[in-house]
Structure formats: structure tokens, C-alpha cells
Amino acid sequence: MTGHRLTVDPIGCRAHGLCAEALPEAIGLDEWGYPVLANGPVPPGLVAEARRAAAACPALALRLRKVH
């Protein structure tokens, strides 16, 4: 099964929170504003939004990866 998964670089992340604004269905924020990602693959209907959320990250800490 092929799908997509979001990952975050915890060292590179600067807690801007733009990712959670762009994709609230799969990304929440912890008490300090750092992203908390949903477990499992990104649902097929949210891949385009996940791609936009990764592109919106000013620190380039959010990545959308294809998994097999």
C-alpha cells in the first residue's frame, strides 16, 4: 500500500503554527505551539492540503513523504 506521511523536524521547527492552520484535520499544536501530527498516513483526500501545509512552513521543518 502506497500513501503519504507527514513528518516534522523537531529541531528545525520554530513553532510558527502555520501548518496547523493549513491542515487542522491532521496537525494539532502542543502547549508551546509545536506541531503534533496525527498517527498514520495522510488520508488520500487531504494529500493536496498536506502538500500546501508543508510548503507553508517557513522553517521547512514539515515534510510530506511518500511511503510504501
N, C-alpha and C. Protein backbone atom coordinates (compact mmCIF):
# COMPACT_ATOMS: atom_id res chain seq x y z
N MET A 1 0.83 -1.17 0.00
CA MET A 1 0.00 0.00 0.00
C MET A 1 0.88 1.25 0.00
N THR A 2 0.62 2.15 -0.91
CA THR A 2 1.37 3.39 -1.02
C THR A 2 0.52 4.52 -0.46
N GLY A 3 1.16 5.43 0.23
CA GLY A 3 0.45 6.58 0.78
C GLY A 3 1.43 7.68 1.08
N HIS A 4 0.99 8.64 1.85
CA HIS A 4 1.82 9.77 2.24
C HIS A 4 1.79 9.92 3.75
N ARG A 5 2.90 10.38 4.28
CA ARG A 5 3.02 10.59 5.72
C ARG A 5 3.68 11.93 5.97
N LEU A 6 3.18 12.65 6.93
CA LEU A 6 3.80 13.90 7.36
C LEU A 6 4.85 13.61 8.42
N THR A 7 5.97 14.31 8.32
CA THR A 7 7.00 14.24 9.35
C THR A 7 7.41 15.66 9.70
N VAL A 8 7.91 15.84 10.89
CA VAL A 8 8.39 17.16 11.31
C VAL A 8 9.78 17.03 11.89
N ASP A 9 10.65 17.96 11.54
CA ASP A 9 11.98 18.04 12.11
C ASP A 9 11.85 18.82 13.41
N PRO A 10 11.92 18.16 14.56
CA PRO A 10 11.68 18.85 15.83
C PRO A 10 12.74 19.89 16.16
N ILE A 11 13.92 19.74 15.61
CA ILE A 11 14.98 20.73 15.86
C ILE A 11 14.81 21.94 14.95
N GLY A 12 14.38 21.71 13.72
CA GLY A 12 14.20 22.80 12.77
C GLY A 12 12.93 23.60 13.00
N CYS A 13 11.93 22.99 13.62
CA CYS A 13 10.64 23.66 13.82
C CYS A 13 10.80 24.85 14.76
N ARG A 14 10.15 25.96 14.39
CA ARG A 14 10.20 27.17 15.20
C ARG A 14 8.83 27.53 15.78
N ALA A 15 7.88 26.60 15.72
CA ALA A 15 6.56 26.75 16.34
C ALA A 15 5.78 27.95 15.81
N HIS A 16 5.83 28.17 14.51
CA HIS A 16 5.02 29.24 13.91
C HIS A 16 3.54 28.89 13.91
N GLY A 17 3.22 27.59 13.77
CA GLY A 17 1.83 27.14 13.80
C GLY A 17 1.10 27.23 12.48
N LEU A 18 1.77 27.64 11.41
CA LEU A 18 1.10 27.74 10.11
C LEU A 18 0.62 26.39 9.60
N CYS A 19 1.34 25.34 9.93
CA CYS A 19 0.96 24.00 9.46
C CYS A 19 -0.39 23.58 10.04
N ALA A 20 -0.61 23.87 11.31
CA ALA A 20 -1.88 23.52 11.95
C ALA A 20 -3.03 24.35 11.40
N GLU A 21 -2.75 25.59 11.02
CA GLU A 21 -3.78 26.42 10.39
C GLU A 21 -4.15 25.88 9.01
N ALA A 22 -3.14 25.39 8.29
CA ALA A 22 -3.36 24.90 6.93
C ALA A 22 -3.99 23.52 6.91
N LEU A 23 -3.75 22.70 7.94
CA LEU A 23 -4.24 21.32 7.94
C LEU A 23 -4.68 20.89 9.34
N PRO A 24 -5.74 21.52 9.87
CA PRO A 24 -6.17 21.19 11.23
C PRO A 24 -6.69 19.76 11.38
N GLU A 25 -7.06 19.12 10.27
CA GLU A 25 -7.55 17.73 10.33
C GLU A 25 -6.44 16.74 10.71
N ALA A 26 -5.18 17.12 10.49
CA ALA A 26 -4.08 16.18 10.73
C ALA A 26 -2.99 16.74 11.63
N ILE A 27 -3.04 18.05 11.94
CA ILE A 27 -1.97 18.66 12.74
C ILE A 27 -2.59 19.50 13.86
N GLY A 28 -2.19 19.17 15.07
CA GLY A 28 -2.58 19.98 16.22
C GLY A 28 -1.33 20.67 16.76
N LEU A 29 -1.49 21.47 17.78
CA LEU A 29 -0.36 22.14 18.40
C LEU A 29 -0.30 21.79 19.88
N ASP A 30 0.91 21.61 20.38
CA ASP A 30 1.05 21.34 21.81
C ASP A 30 1.01 22.67 22.57
N GLU A 31 1.21 22.63 23.86
CA GLU A 31 1.08 23.82 24.69
C GLU A 31 2.11 24.90 24.39
N TRP A 32 3.20 24.55 23.67
CA TRP A 32 4.23 25.51 23.29
C TRP A 32 4.12 25.95 21.83
N GLY A 33 3.12 25.42 21.13
CA GLY A 33 2.91 25.79 19.73
C GLY A 33 3.60 24.90 18.72
N TYR A 34 4.17 23.79 19.17
CA TYR A 34 4.83 22.86 18.26
C TYR A 34 3.82 21.86 17.72
N PRO A 35 4.00 21.42 16.47
CA PRO A 35 3.02 20.53 15.85
C PRO A 35 2.98 19.14 16.47
N VAL A 36 1.78 18.62 16.56
CA VAL A 36 1.53 17.24 16.96
C VAL A 36 0.80 16.62 15.77
N LEU A 37 1.47 15.66 15.12
CA LEU A 37 0.93 15.07 13.90
C LEU A 37 0.03 13.88 14.21
N ALA A 38 -1.00 13.73 13.40
CA ALA A 38 -1.87 12.56 13.52
C ALA A 38 -1.07 11.31 13.16
N ASN A 39 -1.38 10.21 13.82
CA ASN A 39 -0.70 8.94 13.52
C ASN A 39 -1.22 8.38 12.21
N GLY A 40 -0.34 7.69 11.52
CA GLY A 40 -0.73 7.00 10.31
C GLY A 40 -0.58 7.87 9.06
N PRO A 41 -0.95 7.28 7.95
CA PRO A 41 -0.81 8.00 6.68
C PRO A 41 -1.84 9.13 6.54
N VAL A 42 -1.51 10.08 5.69
CA VAL A 42 -2.43 11.17 5.38
C VAL A 42 -3.56 10.59 4.53
N PRO A 43 -4.81 10.83 4.86
CA PRO A 43 -5.91 10.33 4.03
C PRO A 43 -5.78 10.88 2.60
N PRO A 44 -6.09 10.06 1.60
CA PRO A 44 -5.93 10.50 0.21
C PRO A 44 -6.60 11.84 -0.10
N GLY A 45 -7.71 12.12 0.51
CA GLY A 45 -8.41 13.37 0.25
C GLY A 45 -7.74 14.59 0.84
N LEU A 46 -6.72 14.39 1.68
CA LEU A 46 -6.04 15.51 2.32
C LEU A 46 -4.60 15.69 1.84
N VAL A 47 -4.17 14.92 0.85
CA VAL A 47 -2.78 14.99 0.39
C VAL A 47 -2.46 16.36 -0.18
N ALA A 48 -3.34 16.94 -0.98
CA ALA A 48 -3.08 18.27 -1.55
C ALA A 48 -2.95 19.31 -0.44
N GLU A 49 -3.80 19.24 0.57
CA GLU A 49 -3.72 20.18 1.68
C GLU A 49 -2.45 19.95 2.49
N ALA A 50 -2.05 18.69 2.65
CA ALA A 50 -0.82 18.38 3.37
C ALA A 50 0.39 18.93 2.61
N ARG A 51 0.37 18.84 1.30
CA ARG A 51 1.44 19.40 0.47
C ARG A 51 1.52 20.92 0.66
N ARG A 52 0.37 21.58 0.69
CA ARG A 52 0.34 23.03 0.91
C ARG A 52 0.83 23.40 2.31
N ALA A 53 0.47 22.60 3.30
CA ALA A 53 0.92 22.85 4.67
C ALA A 53 2.44 22.74 4.77
N ALA A 54 3.01 21.73 4.13
CA ALA A 54 4.47 21.57 4.14
C ALA A 54 5.14 22.74 3.44
N ALA A 55 4.56 23.19 2.34
CA ALA A 55 5.13 24.32 1.59
C ALA A 55 5.02 25.62 2.37
N ALA A 56 4.04 25.73 3.24
CA ALA A 56 3.82 26.96 4.02
C ALA A 56 4.77 27.09 5.20
N CYS A 57 5.45 26.03 5.57
CA CYS A 57 6.33 26.06 6.75
C CYS A 57 7.54 26.96 6.49
N PRO A 58 7.65 28.09 7.21
CA PRO A 58 8.77 29.00 6.97
C PRO A 58 10.12 28.42 7.39
N ALA A 59 10.12 27.43 8.27
CA ALA A 59 11.37 26.80 8.71
C ALA A 59 11.71 25.55 7.91
N LEU A 60 10.83 25.18 6.97
CA LEU A 60 10.99 23.96 6.16
C LEU A 60 11.14 22.72 7.03
N ALA A 61 10.44 22.71 8.16
CA ALA A 61 10.53 21.60 9.10
C ALA A 61 9.47 20.53 8.87
N LEU A 62 8.43 20.87 8.13
CA LEU A 62 7.36 19.91 7.86
C LEU A 62 7.58 19.31 6.49
N ARG A 63 7.50 17.98 6.40
CA ARG A 63 7.72 17.30 5.13
C ARG A 63 6.59 16.31 4.88
N LEU A 64 6.22 16.19 3.63
CA LEU A 64 5.27 15.17 3.20
C LEU A 64 6.05 14.15 2.41
N ARG A 65 6.06 12.92 2.88
CA ARG A 65 6.84 11.86 2.25
C ARG A 65 5.92 10.75 1.75
N LYS A 66 6.31 10.20 0.61
CA LYS A 66 5.58 9.06 0.06
C LYS A 66 6.11 7.81 0.75
N VAL A 67 5.21 6.97 1.21
CA VAL A 67 5.60 5.71 1.88
C VAL A 67 5.01 4.54 1.11
N HIS A 68 5.67 3.43 1.21
CA HIS A 68 5.24 2.21 0.51
C HIS A 68 4.72 1.19 1.48
